[in-house]
C-alpha atoms as a PDB file:
ATOM      1  CA  MET A   1     -27.751   7.335  22.237  1.00  0.00           C
ATOM      2  CA  ASN A   2     -30.700   5.176  21.328  1.00  0.00           C
ATOM      3  CA  THR A   3     -32.856   6.338  18.432  1.00  0.00           C
ATOM      4  CA  SER A   4     -36.358   5.083  18.999  1.00  0.00           C
ATOM      5  CA  GLU A   5     -37.938   3.891  15.772  1.00  0.00           C
ATOM      6  CA  ASN A   6     -41.172   2.743  17.335  1.00  0.00           C
ATOM      7  CA  ASN A   7     -44.444   4.304  18.360  1.00  0.00           C
ATOM      8  CA  VAL A   8     -43.787   4.646  22.089  1.00  0.00           C
ATOM      9  CA  THR A   9     -46.294   7.210  23.280  1.00  0.00           C
ATOM     10  CA  ILE A  10     -45.807   9.106  26.512  1.00  0.00           C
ATOM     11  CA  GLU A  11     -48.905  10.385  28.250  1.00  0.00           C
ATOM     12  CA  TRP A  12     -48.463  13.584  30.282  1.00  0.00           C
ATOM     13  CA  ALA A  13     -51.386  13.823  32.713  1.00  0.00           C
ATOM     14  CA  PRO A  14     -51.062  16.728  35.171  1.00  0.00           C
ATOM     15  CA  PHE A  15     -53.605  17.087  37.939  1.00  0.00           C
ATOM     16  CA  GLU A  16     -54.231  18.673  41.302  1.00  0.00           C
ATOM     17  CA  VAL A  17     -55.689  16.811  44.264  1.00  0.00           C
ATOM     18  CA  ALA A  18     -58.480  18.098  46.469  1.00  0.00           C
ATOM     19  CA  GLY A  19     -57.353  19.990  49.556  1.00  0.00           C
ATOM     20  CA  ASP A  20     -58.165  17.218  52.029  1.00  0.00           C
ATOM     21  CA  VAL A  21     -56.418  14.405  50.094  1.00  0.00           C
ATOM     22  CA  SER A  22     -53.192  13.215  51.715  1.00  0.00           C
ATOM     23  CA  ASP A  23     -50.158  12.040  49.744  1.00  0.00           C
ATOM     24  CA  GLU A  24     -50.665   8.586  51.258  1.00  0.00           C
ATOM     25  CA  SER A  25     -54.292   8.416  50.068  1.00  0.00           C
ATOM     26  CA  LEU A  26     -53.304   9.453  46.575  1.00  0.00           C
ATOM     27  CA  GLU A  27     -50.440   6.948  46.432  1.00  0.00           C
ATOM     28  CA  LYS A  28     -52.750   4.155  47.604  1.00  0.00           C
ATOM     29  CA  ALA A  29     -55.304   4.982  44.897  1.00  0.00           C
ATOM     30  CA  ALA A  30     -52.492   5.292  42.322  1.00  0.00           C
ATOM     31  CA  THR A  31     -51.257   1.804  43.225  1.00  0.00           C
ATOM     32  CA  ASN A  32     -54.784   0.424  42.971  1.00  0.00           C
ATOM     33  CA  LEU A  33     -55.097   1.986  39.497  1.00  0.00           C
ATOM     34  CA  GLU A  34     -51.742   0.485  38.493  1.00  0.00           C
ATOM     35  CA  VAL A  35     -52.611  -3.058  39.595  1.00  0.00           C
ATOM     36  CA  ASN A  36     -56.302  -3.224  38.764  1.00  0.00           C
ATOM     37  CA  PHE A  37     -56.451  -1.213  35.547  1.00  0.00           C
ATOM     38  CA  LEU A  38     -53.229  -0.106  33.863  1.00  0.00           C
ATOM     39  CA  GLN A  39     -51.321  -3.394  34.072  1.00  0.00           C
ATOM     40  CA  LYS A  40     -54.294  -5.090  32.389  1.00  0.00           C
ATOM     41  CA  GLN A  41     -54.310  -2.725  29.397  1.00  0.00           C
ATOM     42  CA  GLU A  42     -52.876  -3.907  26.095  1.00  0.00           C
ATOM     43  CA  GLY A  43     -49.891  -1.775  25.151  1.00  0.00           C
ATOM     44  CA  TYR A  44     -49.168  -0.508  28.671  1.00  0.00           C
ATOM     45  CA  LEU A  45     -45.407  -0.254  29.272  1.00  0.00           C
ATOM     46  CA  ARG A  46     -44.776   1.612  32.532  1.00  0.00           C
ATOM     47  CA  ARG A  47     -45.728   4.605  34.626  1.00  0.00           C
ATOM     48  CA  GLU A  48     -44.199   7.262  36.858  1.00  0.00           C
ATOM     49  CA  LEU A  49     -46.020   9.371  39.440  1.00  0.00           C
ATOM     50  CA  LEU A  50     -44.467  12.815  39.875  1.00  0.00           C
ATOM     51  CA  LYS A  51     -45.135  15.322  42.659  1.00  0.00           C
ATOM     52  CA  GLY A  52     -44.749  19.053  42.185  1.00  0.00           C
ATOM     53  CA  GLU A  53     -45.378  21.936  44.562  1.00  0.00           C
ATOM     54  CA  GLY A  54     -48.333  21.746  46.916  1.00  0.00           C
ATOM     55  CA  LYS A  55     -51.152  19.639  45.523  1.00  0.00           C
ATOM     56  CA  GLN A  56     -49.739  19.330  41.977  1.00  0.00           C
ATOM     57  CA  TRP A  57     -49.028  15.888  40.526  1.00  0.00           C
ATOM     58  CA  VAL A  58     -48.354  14.325  37.124  1.00  0.00           C
ATOM     59  CA  ASP A  59     -48.930  10.805  35.880  1.00  0.00           C
ATOM     60  CA  LEU A  60     -46.366   9.934  33.215  1.00  0.00           C
ATOM     61  CA  VAL A  61     -47.562   6.811  31.420  1.00  0.00           C
ATOM     62  CA  TYR A  62     -45.701   4.968  28.662  1.00  0.00           C
ATOM     63  CA  TRP A  63     -47.731   3.174  25.958  1.00  0.00           C
ATOM     64  CA  SER A  64     -46.619   1.039  23.025  1.00  0.00           C
ATOM     65  CA  SER A  65     -48.643   3.178  20.582  1.00  0.00           C
ATOM     66  CA  PRO A  66     -51.040   6.109  20.382  1.00  0.00           C
ATOM     67  CA  GLN A  67     -53.834   3.589  19.749  1.00  0.00           C
ATOM     68  CA  ALA A  68     -53.098   1.776  23.035  1.00  0.00           C
ATOM     69  CA  ALA A  69     -53.232   5.087  24.931  1.00  0.00           C
ATOM     70  CA  ALA A  70     -56.525   6.033  23.262  1.00  0.00           C
ATOM     71  CA  LYS A  71     -58.119   2.648  23.999  1.00  0.00           C
ATOM     72  CA  ALA A  72     -57.122   2.848  27.682  1.00  0.00           C
ATOM     73  CA  ALA A  73     -58.587   6.356  27.923  1.00  0.00           C
ATOM     74  CA  GLU A  74     -61.879   5.037  26.517  1.00  0.00           C
ATOM     75  CA  ASP A  75     -61.922   2.150  28.990  1.00  0.00           C
ATOM     76  CA  ALA A  76     -60.937   4.277  32.011  1.00  0.00           C
ATOM     77  CA  ASN A  77     -64.410   5.678  32.610  1.00  0.00           C
ATOM     78  CA  THR A  78     -65.745   2.184  33.324  1.00  0.00           C
ATOM     79  CA  SER A  79     -62.916   1.217  35.685  1.00  0.00           C
ATOM     80  CA  GLU A  80     -63.704   1.311  39.398  1.00  0.00           C
ATOM     81  CA  ALA A  81     -59.997   1.827  40.182  1.00  0.00           C
ATOM     82  CA  PHE A  82     -59.801   4.757  37.780  1.00  0.00           C
ATOM     83  CA  LEU A  83     -62.999   6.359  39.087  1.00  0.00           C
ATOM     84  CA  GLU A  84     -61.676   6.138  42.660  1.00  0.00           C
ATOM     85  CA  TYR A  85     -58.363   7.743  41.626  1.00  0.00           C
ATOM     86  CA  PHE A  86     -60.102  10.408  39.538  1.00  0.00           C
ATOM     87  CA  SER A  87     -62.402  11.304  42.463  1.00  0.00           C
ATOM     88  CA  LEU A  88     -59.370  12.604  44.391  1.00  0.00           C
ATOM     89  CA  MET A  89     -58.633  15.219  41.707  1.00  0.00           C
ATOM     90  CA  VAL A  90     -60.091  18.695  41.223  1.00  0.00           C
ATOM     91  CA  GLY A  91     -60.733  20.755  38.098  1.00  0.00           C
ATOM     92  CA  LEU A  92     -61.052  17.869  35.631  1.00  0.00           C
ATOM     93  CA  GLU A  93     -64.225  16.986  33.754  1.00  0.00           C
ATOM     94  CA  ASP A  94     -63.361  13.546  32.356  1.00  0.00           C
ATOM     95  CA  ALA A  95     -60.583  10.989  31.877  1.00  0.00           C
ATOM     96  CA  GLU A  96     -58.970  12.833  28.977  1.00  0.00           C
ATOM     97  CA  ASP A  97     -59.110  16.348  30.450  1.00  0.00           C
ATOM     98  CA  GLY A  98     -55.663  17.983  30.543  1.00  0.00           C
ATOM     99  CA  ILE A  99     -53.867  14.963  29.064  1.00  0.00           C
ATOM    100  CA  SER A 100     -51.269  15.333  26.302  1.00  0.00           C
ATOM    101  CA  HIS A 101     -49.541  12.614  24.292  1.00  0.00           C
ATOM    102  CA  PHE A 102     -46.008  12.759  22.939  1.00  0.00           C
ATOM    103  CA  ARG A 103     -44.180  10.412  20.595  1.00  0.00           C
ATOM    104  CA  GLN A 104     -40.827   9.253  21.944  1.00  0.00           C
ATOM    105  CA  VAL A 105     -38.150  10.297  19.455  1.00  0.00           C
ATOM    106  CA  LYS A 106     -34.846   9.574  21.226  1.00  0.00           C
ATOM    107  CA  THR A 107     -33.640   8.363  24.579  1.00  0.00           C
ATOM    108  CA  TRP A 108     -30.244   8.719  26.246  1.00  0.00           C
ATOM    109  CA  ASN A 109     -28.925   6.690  29.148  1.00  0.00           C
END
């Protein structure tokens, strides 16, 4: 058991893609977002892309602090890579719509 005594913040960002968006198109845009936006953000640690049933997906993003997550969310709306990725989604108004943040308390390997 590893007790985490830091501010690791996990961003839970569920979304649904538009009906005509293929998995391949989404994955390509997700990679573009990773390389051209997320990896350049201060406090970015790592990310997982999860696929649910049908058109449901979740981005799971790990940040070094809640402040790093908030700053990236502010900057996202001016990122071409983010805007391209976001354009594939339905039912969301802005970059922070539907996103929740959780503080990492413990991890087990």
